[in-house]
C-alpha atoms as a PDB file:
ATOM      1  CA  MET A   1     -19.092 -11.251  30.632  1.00  0.00           C
ATOM      2  CA  ALA A   2     -17.804  -9.412  27.753  1.00  0.00           C
ATOM      3  CA  LEU A   3     -20.321  -8.881  24.874  1.00  0.00           C
ATOM      4  CA  LYS A   4     -19.630 -11.214  21.675  1.00  0.00           C
ATOM      5  CA  LYS A   5     -21.353 -10.797  18.429  1.00  0.00           C
ATOM      6  CA  LYS A   6     -22.222 -13.518  15.622  1.00  0.00           C
ATOM      7  CA  PRO A   7     -19.822 -12.926  12.627  1.00  0.00           C
ATOM      8  CA  THR A   8     -20.916 -13.317   9.097  1.00  0.00           C
ATOM      9  CA  GLU A   9     -21.530 -16.605   7.514  1.00  0.00           C
ATOM     10  CA  PRO A  10     -19.153 -18.065   6.464  1.00  0.00           C
ATOM     11  CA  TRP A  11     -16.355 -16.723   8.502  1.00  0.00           C
ATOM     12  CA  PRO A  12     -13.869 -16.086   7.594  1.00  0.00           C
ATOM     13  CA  LEU A  13     -15.131 -14.383   4.375  1.00  0.00           C
ATOM     14  CA  ILE A  14     -12.137 -14.270   2.057  1.00  0.00           C
ATOM     15  CA  THR A  15     -10.165 -17.183   1.467  1.00  0.00           C
ATOM     16  CA  GLY A  16      -6.561 -17.348   1.883  1.00  0.00           C
ATOM     17  CA  GLU A  17      -3.124 -18.586   3.600  1.00  0.00           C
ATOM     18  CA  TYR A  18      -4.586 -18.539   7.282  1.00  0.00           C
ATOM     19  CA  GLU A  19      -5.806 -20.781   9.695  1.00  0.00           C
ATOM     20  CA  ALA A  20      -9.235 -19.982  11.646  1.00  0.00           C
ATOM     21  CA  GLY A  21     -10.395 -20.913  15.315  1.00  0.00           C
ATOM     22  CA  ASN A  22     -12.753 -19.578  18.037  1.00  0.00           C
ATOM     23  CA  PRO A  23     -14.546 -16.758  16.319  1.00  0.00           C
ATOM     24  CA  GLU A  24     -15.243 -15.150  19.770  1.00  0.00           C
ATOM     25  CA  SER A  25     -11.517 -14.503  20.255  1.00  0.00           C
ATOM     26  CA  PRO A  26     -10.489 -10.867  20.342  1.00  0.00           C
ATOM     27  CA  VAL A  27      -7.028 -11.700  18.818  1.00  0.00           C
ATOM     28  CA  ALA A  28      -5.996 -11.722  15.031  1.00  0.00           C
ATOM     29  CA  VAL A  29      -2.219 -12.690  14.328  1.00  0.00           C
ATOM     30  CA  CYS A  30      -0.366 -11.455  11.191  1.00  0.00           C
ATOM     31  CA  THR A  31       2.840 -13.089  10.535  1.00  0.00           C
ATOM     32  CA  CYS A  32       3.828 -11.170   7.719  1.00  0.00           C
ATOM     33  CA  GLY A  33       6.645 -13.026   5.994  1.00  0.00           C
ATOM     34  CA  SER A  34       6.992 -15.780   8.309  1.00  0.00           C
ATOM     35  CA  HIS A  35       5.061 -19.323   8.444  1.00  0.00           C
ATOM     36  CA  LEU A  36       4.747 -19.843  12.033  1.00  0.00           C
ATOM     37  CA  LYS A  37       2.608 -22.824  13.611  1.00  0.00           C
ATOM     38  CA  GLY A  38      -0.936 -21.600  13.348  1.00  0.00           C
ATOM     39  CA  SER A  39      -2.188 -24.317  15.291  1.00  0.00           C
ATOM     40  CA  GLU A  40      -0.157 -23.397  18.497  1.00  0.00           C
ATOM     41  CA  LEU A  41      -1.139 -19.836  18.292  1.00  0.00           C
ATOM     42  CA  LEU A  42      -4.713 -20.691  17.768  1.00  0.00           C
ATOM     43  CA  ALA A  43      -4.320 -22.778  20.753  1.00  0.00           C
ATOM     44  CA  ALA A  44      -3.397 -20.099  22.913  1.00  0.00           C
ATOM     45  CA  GLY A  45      -6.518 -18.190  22.167  1.00  0.00           C
ATOM     46  CA  ALA A  46      -6.217 -16.373  18.878  1.00  0.00           C
ATOM     47  CA  GLY A  47      -9.212 -16.383  16.303  1.00  0.00           C
ATOM     48  CA  LEU A  48      -7.156 -16.091  13.158  1.00  0.00           C
ATOM     49  CA  VAL A  49      -3.718 -16.327  12.208  1.00  0.00           C
ATOM     50  CA  GLY A  50      -1.596 -16.260   8.808  1.00  0.00           C
ATOM     51  CA  PRO A  51       0.886 -14.297   6.988  1.00  0.00           C
ATOM     52  CA  CYS A  52       0.447 -11.081   5.012  1.00  0.00           C
ATOM     53  CA  LYS A  53       2.916 -10.488   2.219  1.00  0.00           C
ATOM     54  CA  THR A  54       1.634  -7.678   0.328  1.00  0.00           C
ATOM     55  CA  GLU A  55       0.928  -3.774   1.289  1.00  0.00           C
ATOM     56  CA  ASN A  56      -2.209  -3.646  -0.790  1.00  0.00           C
ATOM     57  CA  ILE A  57      -4.451  -6.525  -1.716  1.00  0.00           C
ATOM     58  CA  GLY A  58      -3.060  -8.430   1.259  1.00  0.00           C
ATOM     59  CA  ILE A  59      -3.879  -5.832   3.494  1.00  0.00           C
ATOM     60  CA  GLU A  60      -7.639  -5.521   2.270  1.00  0.00           C
ATOM     61  CA  LYS A  61      -8.178  -9.426   2.439  1.00  0.00           C
ATOM     62  CA  MET A  62      -7.091  -9.172   5.977  1.00  0.00           C
ATOM     63  CA  VAL A  63      -9.442  -6.249   6.758  1.00  0.00           C
ATOM     64  CA  ALA A  64     -12.316  -7.945   4.901  1.00  0.00           C
ATOM     65  CA  ASN A  65     -11.885 -10.896   7.390  1.00  0.00           C
ATOM     66  CA  MET A  66     -11.699  -8.737  10.435  1.00  0.00           C
ATOM     67  CA  VAL A  67     -14.475  -6.509  10.051  1.00  0.00           C
ATOM     68  CA  SER A  68     -16.748  -9.368   9.262  1.00  0.00           C
ATOM     69  CA  ASN A  69     -16.199 -10.433  12.816  1.00  0.00           C
ATOM     70  CA  PRO A  70     -16.734  -7.522  15.349  1.00  0.00           C
ATOM     71  CA  ASN A  71     -15.127  -9.713  18.058  1.00  0.00           C
ATOM     72  CA  ILE A  72     -11.523  -9.126  16.804  1.00  0.00           C
ATOM     73  CA  ARG A  73     -10.286  -6.135  18.737  1.00  0.00           C
ATOM     74  CA  TYR A  74      -6.643  -6.737  18.701  1.00  0.00           C
ATOM     75  CA  LEU A  75      -4.202  -7.592  15.653  1.00  0.00           C
ATOM     76  CA  ILE A  76      -0.768  -8.800  16.677  1.00  0.00           C
ATOM     77  CA  VAL A  77       1.827  -7.903  13.845  1.00  0.00           C
ATOM     78  CA  THR A  78       4.609 -10.210  14.108  1.00  0.00           C
ATOM     79  CA  GLY A  79       7.137 -12.244  12.079  1.00  0.00           C
ATOM     80  CA  MET A  80       9.711 -11.124   9.678  1.00  0.00           C
ATOM     81  CA  GLU A  81       9.640  -8.145   7.538  1.00  0.00           C
ATOM     82  CA  VAL A  82       8.631  -8.622   3.586  1.00  0.00           C
ATOM     83  CA  LYS A  83      11.384  -6.976   1.782  1.00  0.00           C
ATOM     84  CA  GLY A  84      10.158  -4.326  -0.611  1.00  0.00           C
ATOM     85  CA  HIS A  85       6.673  -4.496   0.636  1.00  0.00           C
ATOM     86  CA  ILE A  86       7.517  -3.765   4.161  1.00  0.00           C
ATOM     87  CA  THR A  87       3.979  -5.091   4.705  1.00  0.00           C
ATOM     88  CA  GLY A  88       4.279  -5.136   8.791  1.00  0.00           C
ATOM     89  CA  GLN A  89       5.062  -1.389   8.878  1.00  0.00           C
ATOM     90  CA  ALA A  90       2.277  -0.886   6.220  1.00  0.00           C
ATOM     91  CA  VAL A  91      -0.374  -2.599   8.277  1.00  0.00           C
ATOM     92  CA  GLU A  92       0.516  -0.345  11.611  1.00  0.00           C
ATOM     93  CA  SER A  93       0.474   2.729   9.215  1.00  0.00           C
ATOM     94  CA  PHE A  94      -3.026   1.661   7.711  1.00  0.00           C
ATOM     95  CA  LEU A  95      -4.623   1.120  11.331  1.00  0.00           C
ATOM     96  CA  THR A  96      -3.032   4.060  12.543  1.00  0.00           C
ATOM     97  CA  ASN A  97      -3.140   6.826  10.009  1.00  0.00           C
ATOM     98  CA  GLY A  98      -5.473   5.472   7.057  1.00  0.00           C
ATOM     99  CA  VAL A  99      -5.369   6.299   3.443  1.00  0.00           C
ATOM    100  CA  ASP A 100      -4.869   9.659   1.659  1.00  0.00           C
ATOM    101  CA  LYS A 101      -7.355  10.687  -1.053  1.00  0.00           C
ATOM    102  CA  GLU A 102      -5.183   8.796  -3.677  1.00  0.00           C
ATOM    103  CA  GLY A 103      -5.745   5.451  -1.727  1.00  0.00           C
ATOM    104  CA  ARG A 104      -1.968   5.444  -0.498  1.00  0.00           C
ATOM    105  CA  ILE A 105      -1.474   4.274   3.030  1.00  0.00           C
ATOM    106  CA  ILE A 106      -0.258   7.514   4.863  1.00  0.00           C
ATOM    107  CA  GLY A 107       3.163   7.042   6.066  1.00  0.00           C
ATOM    108  CA  ALA A 108       3.783   3.627   4.646  1.00  0.00           C
ATOM    109  CA  LYS A 109       7.326   2.560   3.035  1.00  0.00           C
ATOM    110  CA  GLY A 110       6.398  -0.318   0.718  1.00  0.00           C
ATOM    111  CA  ALA A 111       6.562  -0.268  -2.977  1.00  0.00           C
ATOM    112  CA  ILE A 112       3.013   0.105  -3.677  1.00  0.00           C
ATOM    113  CA  PRO A 113       0.980   0.525  -0.398  1.00  0.00           C
ATOM    114  CA  PHE A 114      -2.369   1.523  -2.218  1.00  0.00           C
ATOM    115  CA  ILE A 115      -5.630   0.610  -0.624  1.00  0.00           C
ATOM    116  CA  GLN A 116      -8.126   0.767  -3.573  1.00  0.00           C
ATOM    117  CA  ASN A 117     -10.760  -2.188  -2.941  1.00  0.00           C
ATOM    118  CA  LEU A 118     -12.054  -0.860   0.487  1.00  0.00           C
ATOM    119  CA  THR A 119     -14.473   1.617   1.136  1.00  0.00           C
ATOM    120  CA  GLU A 120     -14.063   4.658   3.188  1.00  0.00           C
ATOM    121  CA  GLU A 121     -16.805   3.069   5.905  1.00  0.00           C
ATOM    122  CA  SER A 122     -14.963  -0.265   6.003  1.00  0.00           C
ATOM    123  CA  ILE A 123     -11.722   1.506   6.531  1.00  0.00           C
ATOM    124  CA  GLU A 124     -13.047   3.684   9.498  1.00  0.00           C
ATOM    125  CA  ARG A 125     -14.514   0.610  10.725  1.00  0.00           C
ATOM    126  CA  VAL A 126     -11.189  -1.402  11.023  1.00  0.00           C
ATOM    127  CA  LYS A 127      -9.487   1.469  12.479  1.00  0.00           C
ATOM    128  CA  GLN A 128     -12.127   1.781  15.315  1.00  0.00           C
ATOM    129  CA  GLN A 129     -12.520  -1.800  15.753  1.00  0.00           C
ATOM    130  CA  VAL A 130      -8.963  -3.154  15.869  1.00  0.00           C
ATOM    131  CA  GLN A 131      -5.936  -2.104  17.680  1.00  0.00           C
ATOM    132  CA  PRO A 132      -2.452  -2.745  16.100  1.00  0.00           C
ATOM    133  CA  VAL A 133      -0.228  -4.649  18.643  1.00  0.00           C
ATOM    134  CA  MET A 134       3.334  -4.635  16.998  1.00  0.00           C
ATOM    135  CA  MET A 135       5.891  -7.392  17.726  1.00  0.00           C
ATOM    136  CA  MET A 136       7.895  -7.147  14.260  1.00  0.00           C
ATOM    137  CA  ASP A 137      10.867  -9.215  13.474  1.00  0.00           C
ATOM    138  CA  THR A 138       9.965 -11.911  16.073  1.00  0.00           C
ATOM    139  CA  GLU A 139       9.417 -15.746  15.608  1.00  0.00           C
ATOM    140  CA  ASP A 140       9.533 -16.264  19.191  1.00  0.00           C
ATOM    141  CA  MET A 141       6.602 -18.583  19.603  1.00  0.00           C
ATOM    142  CA  GLY A 142       6.647 -18.321  23.323  1.00  0.00           C
ATOM    143  CA  ALA A 143       6.749 -14.609  23.251  1.00  0.00           C
ATOM    144  CA  ILE A 144       3.762 -14.269  20.697  1.00  0.00           C
ATOM    145  CA  LYS A 145       1.798 -16.882  22.454  1.00  0.00           C
ATOM    146  CA  ALA A 146       2.149 -14.917  25.782  1.00  0.00           C
ATOM    147  CA  LYS A 147       0.997 -11.905  24.237  1.00  0.00           C
ATOM    148  CA  ILE A 148      -2.052 -13.571  22.800  1.00  0.00           C
ATOM    149  CA  GLN A 149      -3.013 -14.799  26.168  1.00  0.00           C
ATOM    150  CA  GLU A 150      -2.421 -11.285  27.767  1.00  0.00           C
ATOM    151  CA  LEU A 151      -4.768  -9.761  25.096  1.00  0.00           C
ATOM    152  CA  VAL A 152      -7.435 -12.484  25.644  1.00  0.00           C
ATOM    153  CA  SER A 153      -7.416 -11.607  29.346  1.00  0.00           C
ATOM    154  CA  LYS A 154      -7.976  -7.744  28.561  1.00  0.00           C
ATOM    155  CA  ASP A 155     -10.937  -8.618  26.104  1.00  0.00           C
ATOM    156  CA  PRO A 156     -13.117  -5.316  25.807  1.00  0.00           C
ATOM    157  CA  GLY A 157     -15.776  -7.441  24.042  1.00  0.00           C
ATOM    158  CA  ALA A 158     -17.182  -7.162  20.501  1.00  0.00           C
ATOM    159  CA  MET A 159     -17.562  -3.723  19.000  1.00  0.00           C
ATOM    160  CA  ASP A 160     -21.241  -3.115  19.041  1.00  0.00           C
ATOM    161  CA  VAL A 161     -21.723  -3.100  15.488  1.00  0.00           C
ATOM    162  CA  ASP A 162     -23.176  -5.531  12.847  1.00  0.00           C
ATOM    163  CA  PRO A 163     -20.435  -7.533  10.758  1.00  0.00           C
ATOM    164  CA  MET A 164     -19.512  -5.886   7.666  1.00  0.00           C
ATOM    165  CA  ARG A 165     -19.465  -8.095   4.595  1.00  0.00           C
ATOM    166  CA  ILE A 166     -17.108  -7.277   2.092  1.00  0.00           C
ATOM    167  CA  GLU A 167     -16.343  -9.341  -1.210  1.00  0.00           C
ATOM    168  CA  ILE A 168     -13.021  -8.691  -2.758  1.00  0.00           C
ATOM    169  CA  LYS A 169     -13.028  -9.912  -6.427  1.00  0.00           C
ATOM    170  CA  GLU A 170     -10.833 -10.114  -9.275  1.00  0.00           C
ATOM    171  CA  GLY A 171     -10.187  -6.810 -10.797  1.00  0.00           C
ATOM    172  CA  GLY A 172     -11.938  -4.936  -7.707  1.00  0.00           C
ATOM    173  CA  ALA A 173     -14.023  -5.288  -4.688  1.00  0.00           C
ATOM    174  CA  GLU A 174     -17.484  -4.395  -3.416  1.00  0.00           C
ATOM    175  CA  GLU A 175     -19.105  -3.879  -0.091  1.00  0.00           C
ATOM    176  CA  VAL A 176     -22.538  -5.743  -0.023  1.00  0.00           C
ATOM    177  CA  GLU A 177     -25.343  -3.095  -0.796  1.00  0.00           C
ATOM    178  CA  SER A 178     -22.844  -0.504  -1.049  1.00  0.00           C
ATOM    179  CA  GLY A 179     -21.830   2.320  -3.544  1.00  0.00           C
ATOM    180  CA  PRO A 180     -19.598   1.963  -6.930  1.00  0.00           C
ATOM    181  CA  ARG A 181     -16.766  -0.253  -7.205  1.00  0.00           C
ATOM    182  CA  PRO A 182     -13.377   1.512  -6.532  1.00  0.00           C
ATOM    183  CA  MET A 183     -10.092   0.956  -8.631  1.00  0.00           C
ATOM    184  CA  ALA A 184      -8.205  -2.379  -8.188  1.00  0.00           C
ATOM    185  CA  ALA A 185      -4.549  -2.022  -6.284  1.00  0.00           C
ATOM    186  CA  GLU A 186      -3.219  -3.575  -9.565  1.00  0.00           C
ATOM    187  CA  ALA A 187      -5.036  -0.800 -11.684  1.00  0.00           C
ATOM    188  CA  VAL A 188      -3.193   1.417  -9.399  1.00  0.00           C
ATOM    189  CA  GLU A 189       0.004   0.133 -10.172  1.00  0.00           C
ATOM    190  CA  ILE A 190      -0.284   0.284 -13.731  1.00  0.00           C
ATOM    191  CA  ARG A 191      -1.336   3.843 -13.419  1.00  0.00           C
ATOM    192  CA  ASP A 192       1.354   4.787 -11.652  1.00  0.00           C
ATOM    193  CA  ARG A 193       3.699   3.177 -14.002  1.00  0.00           C
ATOM    194  CA  MET A 194       2.090   5.052 -16.775  1.00  0.00           C
ATOM    195  CA  ARG A 195       2.491   8.250 -14.773  1.00  0.00           C
ATOM    196  CA  LEU A 196       6.153   7.507 -14.527  1.00  0.00           C
ATOM    197  CA  ALA A 197       6.185   6.909 -18.500  1.00  0.00           C
ATOM    198  CA  ASP A 198       4.496  10.062 -19.166  1.00  0.00           C
ATOM    199  CA  ALA A 199       6.895  11.959 -16.877  1.00  0.00           C
ATOM    200  CA  ALA A 200       9.936  10.085 -18.723  1.00  0.00           C
ATOM    201  CA  VAL A 201       8.477  11.085 -22.206  1.00  0.00           C
ATOM    202  CA  THR A 202       7.999  14.716 -21.030  1.00  0.00           C
ATOM    203  CA  ASN A 203      11.497  14.939 -19.466  1.00  0.00           C
ATOM    204  CA  ASN A 204      13.115  13.551 -22.784  1.00  0.00           C
ATOM    205  CA  GLY A 205      10.882  15.981 -24.917  1.00  0.00           C
ATOM    206  CA  LEU A 206      12.269  18.968 -22.649  1.00  0.00           C
ATOM    207  CA  LEU A 207      15.635  17.503 -22.878  1.00  0.00           C
ATOM    208  CA  ASN A 208      15.345  17.092 -26.983  1.00  0.00           C
ATOM    209  CA  LYS A 209      14.058  20.967 -27.075  1.00  0.00           C
ATOM    210  CA  PHE A 210      17.259  22.021 -24.881  1.00  0.00           C
ATOM    211  CA  GLN A 211      19.553  20.222 -26.930  1.00  0.00           C
ATOM    212  CA  ALA A 212      17.808  21.350 -30.093  1.00  0.00           C
ATOM    213  CA  GLY A 213      18.021  24.893 -29.060  1.00  0.00           C
ATOM    214  CA  ILE A 214      21.672  24.524 -28.106  1.00  0.00           C
ATOM    215  CA  TYR A 215      22.365  22.750 -31.570  1.00  0.00           C
ATOM    216  CA  ALA A 216      20.513  25.838 -33.161  1.00  0.00           C
ATOM    217  CA  GLY A 217      22.443  28.409 -31.403  1.00  0.00           C
ATOM    218  CA  LYS A 218      25.849  26.645 -32.502  1.00  0.00           C
ATOM    219  CA  ILE A 219      24.652  27.068 -35.972  1.00  0.00           C
ATOM    220  CA  GLU A 220      23.288  30.474 -35.604  1.00  0.00           C
ATOM    221  CA  GLY A 221      26.859  31.314 -34.049  1.00  0.00           C
ATOM    222  CA  ILE A 222      28.711  29.822 -36.922  1.00  0.00           C
ATOM    223  CA  ALA A 223      26.582  31.611 -39.286  1.00  0.00           C
ATOM    224  CA  LEU A 224      27.237  34.856 -37.644  1.00  0.00           C
ATOM    225  CA  GLY A 225      30.806  34.462 -37.390  1.00  0.00           C
ATOM    226  CA  MET A 226      31.134  33.720 -41.042  1.00  0.00           C
ATOM    227  CA  THR A 227      29.148  36.758 -41.855  1.00  0.00           C
ATOM    228  CA  ILE A 228      31.499  38.921 -39.789  1.00  0.00           C
ATOM    229  CA  VAL A 229      34.525  37.419 -41.277  1.00  0.00           C
ATOM    230  CA  LEU A 230      33.337  37.762 -44.920  1.00  0.00           C
ATOM    231  CA  ILE A 231      32.313  41.575 -44.326  1.00  0.00           C
ATOM    232  CA  PHE A 232      35.847  41.698 -42.633  1.00  0.00           C
ATOM    233  CA  PHE A 233      37.706  40.475 -45.918  1.00  0.00           C
ATOM    234  CA  GLY A 234      35.381  42.435 -47.805  1.00  0.00           C
ATOM    235  CA  ILE A 235      36.243  45.720 -46.213  1.00  0.00           C
ATOM    236  CA  ILE A 236      40.116  44.394 -46.525  1.00  0.00           C
ATOM    237  CA  LEU A 237      39.733  43.730 -50.253  1.00  0.00           C
ATOM    238  CA  LYS A 238      38.190  47.028 -50.993  1.00  0.00           C
ATOM    239  CA  MET A 239      40.882  48.889 -49.108  1.00  0.00           C
ATOM    240  CA  VAL A 240      43.450  47.108 -50.876  1.00  0.00           C
ATOM    241  CA  GLY A 241      42.028  47.653 -54.103  1.00  0.00           C
ATOM    242  CA  GLY A 242      41.663  51.497 -53.463  1.00  0.00           C
ATOM    243  CA  HIS A 243      45.361  51.617 -52.988  1.00  0.00           C
END
């Protein structure tokens, strides 16, 4: 019999737009931008079903609910892709590649794929615990339910670790009994916009200097030309006067 672990109380930890079923199920389903009938997918054997529309805070909340339940070993990523956020691709990249030093999901193509509300420990935990199963751009309930049943039959058992409790709060998140609170994803977006604004100001400054240099060069050229002309006329007048 496959090993089963008791998840946190309560479970799921983070409130959201999802439906929960058997906490001992090894399968969670992320429907991205689609709203599929969660009751049917839960009846097929899934333990957690719901959409994920953003490639930052949405993924963070989903991770918090998965690492709080070591029984979840598969994440089916299905439904239609979210335009701009490209959340499904970001989820796959996150679970496969993790994040870089800036908190950006490696390989993600979305607008702001920054993970700033999860600790390194929780990121490593979910990468080890949960395997992504990609079924993007499908809303075929028959195919999704069949995949759930297939994965349930392959249940490797719970990851032999204690459930991890992560609290995601407004303006940041913290892992219980853990270190300092990281920067919120919204703050990262603001920071990036500020960087872009600073770059634009710098570029405008350089452009203004360049234009000022051209203008100064023109003035110097005109002044030099007038000086030469005056000298030339002076020489001519002197020659004429000499005659």
